[in-house]
N, C-alpha and C. Protein backbone atom coordinates (compact mmCIF):
# COMPACT_ATOMS: atom_id res chain seq x y z
N UNK A 1 123.70 -171.76 84.07
CA UNK A 1 122.44 -172.15 84.70
C UNK A 1 121.23 -171.80 83.85
N UNK A 2 121.26 -170.64 83.22
CA UNK A 2 120.12 -170.23 82.42
C UNK A 2 119.86 -171.20 81.27
N UNK A 3 120.93 -171.56 80.58
CA UNK A 3 120.78 -172.48 79.45
C UNK A 3 120.30 -173.84 79.93
N UNK A 4 120.75 -174.26 81.10
CA UNK A 4 120.32 -175.54 81.66
C UNK A 4 118.82 -175.53 81.92
N UNK A 5 118.33 -174.44 82.52
CA UNK A 5 116.90 -174.32 82.78
C UNK A 5 116.09 -174.33 81.48
N UNK A 6 116.59 -173.60 80.47
CA UNK A 6 115.88 -173.56 79.19
C UNK A 6 115.78 -174.96 78.57
N UNK A 7 116.87 -175.70 78.62
CA UNK A 7 116.88 -177.04 78.04
C UNK A 7 115.95 -177.98 78.80
N UNK A 8 115.97 -177.91 80.13
CA UNK A 8 115.11 -178.77 80.93
C UNK A 8 113.64 -178.43 80.72
N UNK A 9 113.34 -177.15 80.64
CA UNK A 9 111.96 -176.73 80.39
C UNK A 9 111.48 -177.26 79.05
N UNK A 10 112.32 -177.13 78.03
CA UNK A 10 111.96 -177.60 76.70
C UNK A 10 111.72 -179.11 76.69
N UNK A 11 112.57 -179.85 77.41
CA UNK A 11 112.43 -181.31 77.44
C UNK A 11 111.16 -181.75 78.17
N UNK A 12 110.90 -181.12 79.32
CA UNK A 12 109.76 -181.53 80.14
C UNK A 12 108.43 -181.15 79.47
N UNK A 13 108.40 -180.04 78.75
CA UNK A 13 107.18 -179.61 78.08
C UNK A 13 106.62 -180.69 77.15
N UNK A 14 107.49 -181.48 76.56
CA UNK A 14 107.06 -182.52 75.63
C UNK A 14 106.22 -183.59 76.33
N UNK A 15 106.29 -183.65 77.66
CA UNK A 15 105.55 -184.65 78.41
C UNK A 15 104.16 -184.17 78.85
N UNK A 16 103.85 -182.92 78.55
CA UNK A 16 102.56 -182.36 78.93
C UNK A 16 101.49 -182.66 77.88
N UNK A 17 100.25 -182.69 78.34
CA UNK A 17 99.14 -182.79 77.39
C UNK A 17 99.04 -181.46 76.64
N UNK A 18 98.32 -181.44 75.54
CA UNK A 18 98.20 -180.20 74.75
C UNK A 18 97.57 -179.09 75.57
N UNK A 19 96.57 -179.44 76.38
CA UNK A 19 95.90 -178.43 77.21
C UNK A 19 96.86 -177.84 78.23
N UNK A 20 97.61 -178.70 78.91
CA UNK A 20 98.56 -178.22 79.91
C UNK A 20 99.74 -177.49 79.28
N UNK A 21 100.14 -177.95 78.10
CA UNK A 21 101.24 -177.28 77.39
C UNK A 21 100.85 -175.87 77.00
N UNK A 22 99.62 -175.70 76.53
CA UNK A 22 99.13 -174.37 76.16
C UNK A 22 99.10 -173.45 77.38
N UNK A 23 98.60 -173.99 78.51
CA UNK A 23 98.55 -173.21 79.74
C UNK A 23 99.96 -172.78 80.16
N UNK A 24 100.90 -173.73 80.16
CA UNK A 24 102.26 -173.40 80.61
C UNK A 24 102.92 -172.41 79.66
N UNK A 25 102.74 -172.57 78.36
CA UNK A 25 103.33 -171.63 77.41
C UNK A 25 102.81 -170.22 77.64
N UNK A 26 101.50 -170.10 77.90
CA UNK A 26 100.92 -168.78 78.18
C UNK A 26 101.47 -168.22 79.49
N UNK A 27 101.63 -169.08 80.49
CA UNK A 27 102.18 -168.65 81.78
C UNK A 27 103.63 -168.21 81.63
N UNK A 28 104.40 -169.00 80.90
CA UNK A 28 105.82 -168.71 80.66
C UNK A 28 105.98 -167.37 79.94
N UNK A 29 105.19 -167.16 78.90
CA UNK A 29 105.25 -165.89 78.15
C UNK A 29 104.86 -164.72 79.03
N UNK A 30 103.82 -164.90 79.84
CA UNK A 30 103.35 -163.81 80.70
C UNK A 30 104.40 -163.42 81.73
N UNK A 31 105.09 -164.41 82.28
CA UNK A 31 106.14 -164.13 83.27
C UNK A 31 107.26 -163.31 82.65
N UNK A 32 107.70 -163.70 81.46
CA UNK A 32 108.85 -163.02 80.84
C UNK A 32 108.46 -161.68 80.21
N UNK A 33 107.26 -161.59 79.66
CA UNK A 33 106.85 -160.33 79.06
C UNK A 33 106.58 -159.28 80.13
N UNK A 34 105.94 -159.68 81.22
CA UNK A 34 105.63 -158.73 82.29
C UNK A 34 106.83 -158.47 83.20
N UNK A 35 107.79 -159.39 83.20
CA UNK A 35 108.94 -159.23 84.08
C UNK A 35 110.17 -158.64 83.42
N UNK A 36 110.07 -158.33 82.13
CA UNK A 36 111.22 -157.80 81.39
C UNK A 36 111.79 -156.57 82.07
N UNK A 37 113.10 -156.55 82.25
CA UNK A 37 113.88 -155.45 82.83
C UNK A 37 113.76 -155.31 84.34
N UNK A 38 112.71 -155.86 84.95
CA UNK A 38 112.52 -155.66 86.38
C UNK A 38 112.99 -156.83 87.23
N UNK A 39 112.97 -158.03 86.66
CA UNK A 39 113.31 -159.21 87.45
C UNK A 39 114.47 -159.97 86.82
N UNK A 40 115.19 -160.70 87.67
CA UNK A 40 116.34 -161.47 87.20
C UNK A 40 115.87 -162.60 86.29
N UNK A 41 116.50 -162.71 85.12
CA UNK A 41 116.11 -163.74 84.16
C UNK A 41 116.29 -165.13 84.74
N UNK A 42 117.39 -165.35 85.46
CA UNK A 42 117.63 -166.68 86.02
C UNK A 42 116.55 -167.06 87.03
N UNK A 43 116.10 -166.07 87.83
CA UNK A 43 115.05 -166.33 88.81
C UNK A 43 113.74 -166.68 88.11
N UNK A 44 113.44 -166.00 87.00
CA UNK A 44 112.21 -166.30 86.25
C UNK A 44 112.28 -167.69 85.63
N UNK A 45 113.46 -168.06 85.13
CA UNK A 45 113.64 -169.39 84.55
C UNK A 45 113.51 -170.48 85.60
N UNK A 46 114.14 -170.24 86.75
CA UNK A 46 114.07 -171.23 87.83
C UNK A 46 112.64 -171.41 88.31
N UNK A 47 111.93 -170.30 88.47
CA UNK A 47 110.53 -170.37 88.91
C UNK A 47 109.68 -171.11 87.88
N UNK A 48 109.88 -170.80 86.60
CA UNK A 48 109.13 -171.47 85.55
C UNK A 48 109.40 -172.97 85.53
N UNK A 49 110.66 -173.32 85.75
CA UNK A 49 111.04 -174.73 85.78
C UNK A 49 110.35 -175.46 86.94
N UNK A 50 110.36 -174.86 88.12
CA UNK A 50 109.71 -175.47 89.28
C UNK A 50 108.20 -175.59 89.09
N UNK A 51 107.60 -174.58 88.47
CA UNK A 51 106.16 -174.63 88.18
C UNK A 51 105.86 -175.76 87.20
N UNK A 52 106.74 -175.93 86.24
CA UNK A 52 106.56 -176.98 85.25
C UNK A 52 106.63 -178.36 85.91
N UNK A 53 107.56 -178.54 86.84
CA UNK A 53 107.66 -179.81 87.56
C UNK A 53 106.39 -180.07 88.38
N UNK A 54 105.88 -179.02 89.03
CA UNK A 54 104.64 -179.16 89.81
C UNK A 54 103.48 -179.54 88.89
N UNK A 55 103.42 -178.90 87.73
CA UNK A 55 102.35 -179.16 86.79
C UNK A 55 102.42 -180.60 86.27
N UNK A 56 103.63 -181.06 86.01
CA UNK A 56 103.80 -182.44 85.53
C UNK A 56 103.34 -183.44 86.59
N UNK A 57 103.68 -183.19 87.86
CA UNK A 57 103.22 -184.06 88.95
C UNK A 57 101.70 -184.06 89.04
N UNK A 58 101.11 -182.86 88.92
CA UNK A 58 99.65 -182.76 88.98
C UNK A 58 99.01 -183.51 87.82
N UNK A 59 99.61 -183.39 86.64
CA UNK A 59 99.09 -184.10 85.46
C UNK A 59 99.13 -185.61 85.68
N UNK A 60 100.21 -186.09 86.28
CA UNK A 60 100.33 -187.53 86.56
C UNK A 60 99.28 -188.00 87.57
N UNK A 61 98.77 -187.05 88.38
CA UNK A 61 97.72 -187.37 89.34
C UNK A 61 96.32 -187.15 88.75
N UNK A 62 96.28 -186.82 87.46
CA UNK A 62 95.00 -186.67 86.78
C UNK A 62 94.40 -185.29 86.78
N UNK A 63 95.16 -184.26 87.21
CA UNK A 63 94.65 -182.89 87.23
C UNK A 63 95.17 -182.10 86.03
N UNK A 64 94.38 -181.11 85.63
CA UNK A 64 94.86 -180.22 84.57
C UNK A 64 95.38 -178.92 85.19
N UNK A 65 96.00 -178.09 84.38
CA UNK A 65 96.69 -176.89 84.89
C UNK A 65 95.74 -175.91 85.55
N UNK A 66 94.62 -175.61 84.90
CA UNK A 66 93.71 -174.59 85.43
C UNK A 66 93.12 -175.03 86.76
N UNK A 67 92.86 -176.33 86.90
CA UNK A 67 92.33 -176.84 88.16
C UNK A 67 93.40 -176.85 89.24
N UNK A 68 94.62 -177.20 88.86
CA UNK A 68 95.71 -177.30 89.83
C UNK A 68 96.12 -175.93 90.37
N UNK A 69 96.34 -174.97 89.47
CA UNK A 69 96.79 -173.65 89.89
C UNK A 69 95.64 -172.76 90.36
N UNK A 70 94.44 -173.02 89.86
CA UNK A 70 93.27 -172.28 90.32
C UNK A 70 93.15 -170.87 89.79
N UNK A 71 93.89 -170.53 88.75
CA UNK A 71 93.81 -169.19 88.16
C UNK A 71 94.32 -169.23 86.73
N UNK A 72 94.05 -168.17 85.98
CA UNK A 72 94.49 -168.10 84.59
C UNK A 72 96.00 -167.89 84.54
N UNK A 73 96.64 -168.14 83.39
CA UNK A 73 98.09 -167.90 83.28
C UNK A 73 98.50 -166.48 83.63
N UNK A 74 97.72 -165.49 83.18
CA UNK A 74 98.06 -164.09 83.47
C UNK A 74 97.97 -163.80 84.96
N UNK A 75 96.92 -164.31 85.60
CA UNK A 75 96.77 -164.10 87.05
C UNK A 75 97.89 -164.80 87.81
N UNK A 76 98.23 -165.98 87.36
CA UNK A 76 99.31 -166.74 88.00
C UNK A 76 100.64 -166.01 87.86
N UNK A 77 100.90 -165.47 86.67
CA UNK A 77 102.15 -164.74 86.44
C UNK A 77 102.24 -163.50 87.32
N UNK A 78 101.14 -162.75 87.42
CA UNK A 78 101.13 -161.56 88.28
C UNK A 78 101.40 -161.94 89.73
N UNK A 79 100.79 -163.01 90.18
CA UNK A 79 100.96 -163.47 91.55
C UNK A 79 102.42 -163.88 91.83
N UNK A 80 103.05 -164.53 90.85
CA UNK A 80 104.44 -164.99 90.99
C UNK A 80 105.40 -163.80 91.01
N UNK A 81 105.20 -162.86 90.09
CA UNK A 81 106.11 -161.72 89.98
C UNK A 81 106.08 -160.82 91.22
N UNK A 82 104.92 -160.76 91.88
CA UNK A 82 104.82 -159.93 93.09
C UNK A 82 105.75 -160.43 94.19
N UNK A 83 106.03 -161.73 94.16
CA UNK A 83 106.86 -162.33 95.21
C UNK A 83 108.32 -162.50 94.79
N UNK A 84 108.62 -162.16 93.56
CA UNK A 84 109.96 -162.41 93.03
C UNK A 84 110.90 -161.25 93.31
N UNK A 85 112.17 -161.57 93.50
CA UNK A 85 113.19 -160.55 93.74
C UNK A 85 113.45 -159.74 92.48
N UNK A 86 113.44 -158.42 92.60
CA UNK A 86 113.67 -157.57 91.45
C UNK A 86 115.16 -157.40 91.18
N UNK A 87 115.45 -156.93 89.98
CA UNK A 87 116.84 -156.63 89.63
C UNK A 87 117.39 -155.58 90.57
N UNK A 88 118.68 -155.65 90.87
CA UNK A 88 119.31 -154.65 91.71
C UNK A 88 119.42 -153.33 90.94
N UNK A 89 119.45 -152.19 91.66
CA UNK A 89 119.60 -150.89 90.98
C UNK A 89 120.83 -150.86 90.07
N UNK A 90 121.92 -151.52 90.50
CA UNK A 90 123.15 -151.54 89.71
C UNK A 90 122.93 -152.25 88.38
N UNK A 91 122.18 -153.35 88.41
CA UNK A 91 121.91 -154.09 87.19
C UNK A 91 121.00 -153.29 86.26
N UNK A 92 120.03 -152.61 86.83
CA UNK A 92 119.15 -151.77 86.01
C UNK A 92 119.93 -150.63 85.37
N UNK A 93 120.89 -150.09 86.12
CA UNK A 93 121.72 -149.01 85.55
C UNK A 93 122.53 -149.53 84.37
N UNK A 94 123.04 -150.76 84.49
CA UNK A 94 123.79 -151.36 83.38
C UNK A 94 122.92 -151.49 82.14
N UNK A 95 121.68 -151.89 82.32
CA UNK A 95 120.76 -152.06 81.20
C UNK A 95 120.48 -150.71 80.54
N UNK A 96 120.23 -149.69 81.37
CA UNK A 96 119.96 -148.35 80.83
C UNK A 96 121.18 -147.80 80.10
N UNK A 97 122.37 -148.02 80.69
CA UNK A 97 123.60 -147.58 80.02
C UNK A 97 123.78 -148.28 78.68
N UNK A 98 123.46 -149.57 78.64
CA UNK A 98 123.60 -150.31 77.38
C UNK A 98 122.65 -149.75 76.32
N UNK A 99 121.43 -149.48 76.71
CA UNK A 99 120.48 -148.88 75.77
C UNK A 99 120.99 -147.52 75.28
N UNK A 100 121.55 -146.74 76.22
CA UNK A 100 122.05 -145.42 75.85
C UNK A 100 123.20 -145.50 74.86
N UNK A 101 124.15 -146.40 75.10
CA UNK A 101 125.29 -146.56 74.19
C UNK A 101 124.82 -147.11 72.84
N UNK A 102 123.84 -148.03 72.88
CA UNK A 102 123.27 -148.55 71.64
C UNK A 102 122.67 -147.43 70.81
N UNK A 103 121.99 -146.52 71.49
CA UNK A 103 121.38 -145.38 70.78
C UNK A 103 122.45 -144.51 70.14
N UNK A 104 123.53 -144.21 70.90
CA UNK A 104 124.62 -143.40 70.35
C UNK A 104 125.25 -144.07 69.14
N UNK A 105 125.47 -145.38 69.24
CA UNK A 105 126.11 -146.11 68.15
C UNK A 105 125.25 -146.14 66.89
N UNK A 106 124.00 -146.62 67.01
CA UNK A 106 123.17 -146.80 65.82
C UNK A 106 122.79 -145.48 65.17
N UNK A 107 122.61 -144.44 65.97
CA UNK A 107 122.29 -143.13 65.40
C UNK A 107 123.46 -142.60 64.59
N UNK A 108 124.68 -142.75 65.13
CA UNK A 108 125.86 -142.29 64.40
C UNK A 108 126.16 -143.19 63.21
N UNK A 109 126.15 -144.49 63.43
CA UNK A 109 126.50 -145.45 62.37
C UNK A 109 125.57 -145.31 61.17
N UNK A 110 124.29 -145.05 61.45
CA UNK A 110 123.33 -144.91 60.37
C UNK A 110 123.43 -143.60 59.62
N UNK A 111 124.20 -142.65 60.16
CA UNK A 111 124.34 -141.33 59.52
C UNK A 111 125.55 -141.24 58.59
N UNK A 112 126.44 -142.23 58.65
CA UNK A 112 127.67 -142.17 57.86
C UNK A 112 127.40 -142.40 56.37
N UNK A 113 128.03 -141.60 55.54
CA UNK A 113 127.92 -141.76 54.08
C UNK A 113 128.98 -142.78 53.62
N UNK A 114 128.66 -144.05 53.78
CA UNK A 114 129.64 -145.11 53.55
C UNK A 114 130.15 -145.18 52.11
N UNK A 115 129.29 -144.88 51.16
CA UNK A 115 129.67 -145.02 49.75
C UNK A 115 129.80 -143.67 49.06
N UNK A 116 130.19 -142.68 49.84
CA UNK A 116 130.32 -141.33 49.29
C UNK A 116 131.52 -140.64 49.93
N UNK A 117 132.10 -139.69 49.21
CA UNK A 117 133.19 -138.89 49.74
C UNK A 117 132.68 -137.63 50.41
N UNK A 118 131.37 -137.55 50.53
CA UNK A 118 130.75 -136.38 51.15
C UNK A 118 130.96 -136.40 52.66
N UNK A 119 131.28 -135.26 53.23
CA UNK A 119 131.50 -135.17 54.67
C UNK A 119 130.21 -135.49 55.43
N UNK A 120 130.39 -136.00 56.61
CA UNK A 120 129.24 -136.27 57.47
C UNK A 120 128.81 -134.97 58.14
N UNK A 121 127.57 -134.61 57.91
CA UNK A 121 127.03 -133.42 58.58
C UNK A 121 126.00 -133.88 59.60
N UNK A 122 126.21 -133.45 60.83
CA UNK A 122 125.32 -133.93 61.89
C UNK A 122 125.06 -132.81 62.89
N UNK A 123 123.78 -132.61 63.20
CA UNK A 123 123.39 -131.62 64.21
C UNK A 123 123.50 -132.27 65.58
N UNK A 124 124.28 -131.69 66.45
CA UNK A 124 124.49 -132.30 67.77
C UNK A 124 123.19 -132.43 68.54
N UNK A 125 122.28 -131.45 68.38
CA UNK A 125 121.00 -131.50 69.09
C UNK A 125 120.11 -132.60 68.52
N UNK A 126 120.07 -132.67 67.18
CA UNK A 126 119.29 -133.73 66.52
C UNK A 126 119.82 -135.11 66.91
N UNK A 127 121.14 -135.21 66.98
CA UNK A 127 121.79 -136.48 67.33
C UNK A 127 121.42 -136.91 68.74
N UNK A 128 121.58 -135.99 69.70
CA UNK A 128 121.30 -136.33 71.10
C UNK A 128 119.82 -136.60 71.33
N UNK A 129 118.95 -135.82 70.69
CA UNK A 129 117.51 -136.07 70.82
C UNK A 129 117.13 -137.42 70.22
N UNK A 130 117.75 -137.75 69.08
CA UNK A 130 117.49 -139.04 68.45
C UNK A 130 117.90 -140.19 69.36
N UNK A 131 119.05 -140.05 70.01
CA UNK A 131 119.52 -141.07 70.96
C UNK A 131 118.57 -141.21 72.14
N UNK A 132 118.11 -140.06 72.63
CA UNK A 132 117.19 -140.07 73.77
C UNK A 132 115.89 -140.77 73.40
N UNK A 133 115.36 -140.45 72.23
CA UNK A 133 114.11 -141.09 71.77
C UNK A 133 114.32 -142.59 71.58
N UNK A 134 115.47 -142.97 71.02
CA UNK A 134 115.79 -144.39 70.82
C UNK A 134 115.79 -145.13 72.15
N UNK A 135 116.42 -144.55 73.16
CA UNK A 135 116.52 -145.20 74.47
C UNK A 135 115.14 -145.31 75.14
N UNK A 136 114.37 -144.22 75.10
CA UNK A 136 113.03 -144.24 75.70
C UNK A 136 112.14 -145.24 74.97
N UNK A 137 112.26 -145.28 73.64
CA UNK A 137 111.46 -146.21 72.85
C UNK A 137 111.77 -147.66 73.21
N UNK A 138 113.07 -147.95 73.44
CA UNK A 138 113.47 -149.31 73.81
C UNK A 138 112.90 -149.70 75.17
N UNK A 139 112.95 -148.78 76.12
CA UNK A 139 112.43 -149.05 77.46
C UNK A 139 110.91 -149.25 77.41
N UNK A 140 110.22 -148.38 76.66
CA UNK A 140 108.77 -148.51 76.52
C UNK A 140 108.41 -149.84 75.87
N UNK A 141 109.22 -150.22 74.88
CA UNK A 141 108.95 -151.48 74.18
C UNK A 141 109.02 -152.67 75.14
N UNK A 142 110.08 -152.71 75.94
CA UNK A 142 110.26 -153.84 76.85
C UNK A 142 109.32 -153.81 78.05
N UNK A 143 108.98 -152.60 78.52
CA UNK A 143 108.16 -152.51 79.72
C UNK A 143 106.66 -152.50 79.44
N UNK A 144 106.26 -151.97 78.27
CA UNK A 144 104.83 -151.83 78.01
C UNK A 144 104.34 -152.56 76.76
N UNK A 145 105.00 -152.29 75.63
CA UNK A 145 104.51 -152.82 74.37
C UNK A 145 104.52 -154.35 74.34
N UNK A 146 105.59 -154.97 74.87
CA UNK A 146 105.66 -156.43 74.87
C UNK A 146 104.51 -157.06 75.64
N UNK A 147 103.99 -156.33 76.63
CA UNK A 147 102.87 -156.87 77.41
C UNK A 147 101.62 -157.06 76.57
N UNK A 148 101.50 -156.28 75.51
CA UNK A 148 100.30 -156.39 74.68
C UNK A 148 100.24 -157.75 73.99
N UNK A 149 101.38 -158.44 73.88
CA UNK A 149 101.37 -159.76 73.26
C UNK A 149 100.60 -160.78 74.08
N UNK A 150 100.35 -160.46 75.36
CA UNK A 150 99.58 -161.37 76.21
C UNK A 150 98.08 -161.08 76.14
N UNK A 151 97.69 -160.02 75.44
CA UNK A 151 96.27 -159.69 75.34
C UNK A 151 95.54 -160.76 74.53
N UNK A 152 94.33 -161.06 74.94
CA UNK A 152 93.51 -162.01 74.19
C UNK A 152 92.97 -161.37 72.91
N UNK A 153 92.76 -160.05 72.99
CA UNK A 153 92.26 -159.31 71.82
C UNK A 153 93.44 -158.95 70.92
N UNK A 154 93.68 -159.76 69.89
CA UNK A 154 94.83 -159.53 69.02
C UNK A 154 94.69 -158.25 68.21
N UNK A 155 93.44 -157.86 67.93
CA UNK A 155 93.22 -156.61 67.21
C UNK A 155 93.75 -155.42 68.00
N UNK A 156 93.52 -155.46 69.32
CA UNK A 156 94.02 -154.39 70.19
C UNK A 156 95.54 -154.41 70.23
N UNK A 157 96.12 -155.61 70.24
CA UNK A 157 97.58 -155.74 70.23
C UNK A 157 98.17 -155.10 68.98
N UNK A 158 97.61 -155.43 67.81
CA UNK A 158 98.11 -154.87 66.55
C UNK A 158 97.94 -153.35 66.53
N UNK A 159 96.83 -152.87 67.09
CA UNK A 159 96.55 -151.43 67.11
C UNK A 159 97.60 -150.70 67.95
N UNK A 160 97.89 -151.24 69.14
CA UNK A 160 98.87 -150.61 70.02
C UNK A 160 100.26 -150.64 69.39
N UNK A 161 100.61 -151.78 68.78
CA UNK A 161 101.92 -151.89 68.12
C UNK A 161 102.03 -150.88 66.99
N UNK A 162 100.94 -150.72 66.24
CA UNK A 162 100.93 -149.78 65.12
C UNK A 162 101.10 -148.34 65.62
N UNK A 163 100.35 -147.98 66.67
CA UNK A 163 100.45 -146.64 67.25
C UNK A 163 101.87 -146.38 67.77
N UNK A 164 102.45 -147.40 68.41
CA UNK A 164 103.81 -147.28 68.94
C UNK A 164 104.80 -147.02 67.82
N UNK A 165 104.76 -147.84 66.77
CA UNK A 165 105.70 -147.70 65.66
C UNK A 165 105.53 -146.36 64.94
N UNK A 166 104.28 -145.99 64.68
CA UNK A 166 104.01 -144.73 63.98
C UNK A 166 104.48 -143.54 64.82
N UNK A 167 104.30 -143.61 66.12
CA UNK A 167 104.72 -142.52 67.01
C UNK A 167 106.23 -142.35 66.99
N UNK A 168 106.96 -143.47 67.10
CA UNK A 168 108.42 -143.41 67.11
C UNK A 168 108.95 -142.89 65.77
N UNK A 169 108.42 -143.44 64.68
CA UNK A 169 108.85 -142.99 63.35
C UNK A 169 108.52 -141.51 63.16
N UNK A 170 107.33 -141.11 63.60
CA UNK A 170 106.91 -139.71 63.47
C UNK A 170 107.83 -138.77 64.22
N UNK A 171 108.25 -139.16 65.43
CA UNK A 171 109.14 -138.32 66.22
C UNK A 171 110.50 -138.17 65.53
N UNK A 172 111.02 -139.28 65.00
CA UNK A 172 112.31 -139.22 64.29
C UNK A 172 112.21 -138.33 63.06
N UNK A 173 111.09 -138.43 62.34
CA UNK A 173 110.90 -137.61 61.14
C UNK A 173 110.86 -136.13 61.52
N UNK A 174 110.15 -135.79 62.59
CA UNK A 174 110.05 -134.40 63.03
C UNK A 174 111.42 -133.85 63.45
N UNK A 175 112.20 -134.67 64.14
CA UNK A 175 113.54 -134.25 64.54
C UNK A 175 114.41 -133.96 63.32
N UNK A 176 114.34 -134.85 62.32
CA UNK A 176 115.13 -134.66 61.10
C UNK A 176 114.67 -133.43 60.32
N UNK A 177 113.36 -133.19 60.28
CA UNK A 177 112.83 -132.08 59.50
C UNK A 177 113.19 -130.72 60.09
N UNK A 178 113.09 -130.62 61.42
CA UNK A 178 113.21 -129.31 62.04
C UNK A 178 114.55 -129.05 62.72
N UNK A 179 115.35 -130.08 62.93
CA UNK A 179 116.60 -129.86 63.66
C UNK A 179 117.85 -130.31 62.91
N UNK A 180 117.67 -130.85 61.71
CA UNK A 180 118.84 -131.39 61.00
C UNK A 180 119.87 -130.32 60.65
N UNK A 181 119.44 -129.06 60.53
CA UNK A 181 120.37 -127.98 60.16
C UNK A 181 120.76 -127.11 61.35
N UNK A 182 120.39 -127.53 62.56
CA UNK A 182 120.67 -126.74 63.75
C UNK A 182 122.08 -127.04 64.27
N UNK A 183 122.96 -126.02 64.25
CA UNK A 183 124.34 -126.15 64.74
C UNK A 183 124.99 -127.44 64.23
N UNK A 184 125.09 -127.52 62.92
CA UNK A 184 125.63 -128.72 62.27
C UNK A 184 127.15 -128.80 62.44
N UNK A 185 127.62 -130.01 62.71
CA UNK A 185 129.06 -130.28 62.79
C UNK A 185 129.43 -131.10 61.56
N UNK A 186 130.52 -130.72 60.88
CA UNK A 186 130.96 -131.43 59.68
C UNK A 186 132.20 -132.28 59.99
N UNK A 187 132.10 -133.55 59.66
CA UNK A 187 133.21 -134.48 59.89
C UNK A 187 133.67 -135.01 58.53
N UNK A 188 134.96 -134.89 58.19
CA UNK A 188 135.45 -135.41 56.90
C UNK A 188 135.03 -136.85 56.68
N UNK A 189 134.78 -137.21 55.42
CA UNK A 189 134.26 -138.53 55.07
C UNK A 189 135.10 -139.67 55.65
N UNK A 190 136.41 -139.62 55.39
CA UNK A 190 137.28 -140.71 55.86
C UNK A 190 137.29 -140.78 57.39
N UNK A 191 137.38 -139.63 58.02
CA UNK A 191 137.39 -139.59 59.49
C UNK A 191 136.11 -140.18 60.07
N UNK A 192 134.98 -139.81 59.48
CA UNK A 192 133.70 -140.30 59.98
C UNK A 192 133.60 -141.82 59.86
N UNK A 193 134.17 -142.37 58.75
CA UNK A 193 134.12 -143.83 58.55
C UNK A 193 135.05 -144.56 59.52
N UNK A 194 136.22 -143.99 59.75
CA UNK A 194 137.16 -144.60 60.71
C UNK A 194 136.54 -144.60 62.11
N UNK A 195 135.96 -143.46 62.49
CA UNK A 195 135.30 -143.38 63.80
C UNK A 195 134.17 -144.41 63.88
N UNK A 196 133.42 -144.55 62.78
CA UNK A 196 132.32 -145.51 62.74
C UNK A 196 132.80 -146.94 62.94
N UNK A 197 133.91 -147.30 62.28
CA UNK A 197 134.45 -148.65 62.40
C UNK A 197 134.98 -148.93 63.80
N UNK A 198 135.68 -147.93 64.37
CA UNK A 198 136.19 -148.08 65.74
C UNK A 198 135.02 -148.22 66.72
N UNK A 199 134.02 -147.39 66.51
CA UNK A 199 132.82 -147.43 67.33
C UNK A 199 132.14 -148.80 67.22
N UNK A 200 132.10 -149.35 65.98
CA UNK A 200 131.45 -150.64 65.74
C UNK A 200 132.17 -151.77 66.49
N UNK A 201 133.51 -151.75 66.45
CA UNK A 201 134.28 -152.78 67.16
C UNK A 201 134.06 -152.67 68.66
N UNK A 202 134.11 -151.44 69.17
CA UNK A 202 133.91 -151.23 70.61
C UNK A 202 132.51 -151.66 71.04
N UNK A 203 131.54 -151.30 70.21
CA UNK A 203 130.15 -151.67 70.53
C UNK A 203 129.95 -153.18 70.45
N UNK A 204 130.59 -153.82 69.48
CA UNK A 204 130.51 -155.27 69.36
C UNK A 204 131.07 -155.97 70.59
N UNK A 205 132.23 -155.48 71.07
CA UNK A 205 132.84 -156.06 72.28
C UNK A 205 131.95 -155.84 73.50
N UNK A 206 131.37 -154.64 73.59
CA UNK A 206 130.48 -154.34 74.71
C UNK A 206 129.26 -155.26 74.69
N UNK A 207 128.67 -155.43 73.50
CA UNK A 207 127.49 -156.28 73.37
C UNK A 207 127.80 -157.73 73.72
N UNK A 208 128.96 -158.20 73.26
CA UNK A 208 129.37 -159.58 73.56
C UNK A 208 129.52 -159.77 75.07
N UNK A 209 130.18 -158.82 75.73
CA UNK A 209 130.38 -158.90 77.17
C UNK A 209 129.04 -158.84 77.90
N UNK A 210 128.17 -157.95 77.45
CA UNK A 210 126.86 -157.75 78.08
C UNK A 210 126.02 -159.02 77.97
N UNK A 211 126.05 -159.67 76.81
CA UNK A 211 125.29 -160.90 76.61
C UNK A 211 125.88 -162.07 77.40
N UNK A 212 127.22 -162.11 77.47
CA UNK A 212 127.87 -163.20 78.21
C UNK A 212 127.51 -163.14 79.69
N UNK A 213 127.37 -161.93 80.22
CA UNK A 213 127.02 -161.78 81.62
C UNK A 213 125.62 -162.31 81.91
N UNK A 214 124.79 -162.39 80.85
CA UNK A 214 123.41 -162.83 81.02
C UNK A 214 123.17 -164.27 80.61
N UNK A 215 124.21 -164.96 80.20
CA UNK A 215 124.09 -166.38 79.85
C UNK A 215 123.92 -167.23 81.12
C-alpha cells in the first residue's frame, strides 16, 4: 500500500500548477518531517494522497492551494497531525530497539582492526556510552533536527545542523579521550573479526526484516 500511495502521489503531482506543486511539496515534507517516529507512515501517505486529490479538484475549479486550504503548508501539517493516529507503543518500542541494536553493531564494527593482527581493545563503559549517545542522537535527529529543514530561514537551519553535528562528534571524542582505557577488554584479532562478521549478517537480516515490515 505504501508504494502504491507513493506512485500515485508522484503521478498526480505532475498535473498541478507550479504554485500548487510547491505548496503540496512543502505540505508533504512538513507532514513527514514533523510526524517522524510518532505517526504511522501509511496513514501519512494516505492523508497526503487524499489532500492531493482535493487540491487537484480545487485547481480544476480555478482555486489555488493557499486559497483552498486557507493556511500555510506548516499550519496545515500541524492541523493534520493533531488529528492523526499515533504509532502504537509496541511499534515505538520496535523502533527504539532497532536504534539500540544499530548502535551496538556500528560501535563494535567500527572498532575492529580489520587489517591488523592486533587484538581488539575495548572499554565496556566507553562502548555502552557510545551506543547510548548514538541512539539518543538518532532519536534527536528524527524528532527535532529534521524539523529544521522546514524553516524558512536556511541560515538558522544550517546553524542548528552544525551545532548538532559538532555536539555529537564532541561527545564521542570526549568519551574516547577519557574512557578508552577504563576497564579495557581484549579480544583476539581473529575472534573479534569473526564476531564482527556474524554480527554483520545478523544485523543485515534484522534490517531487511525491519524495512520489509514498513513497505
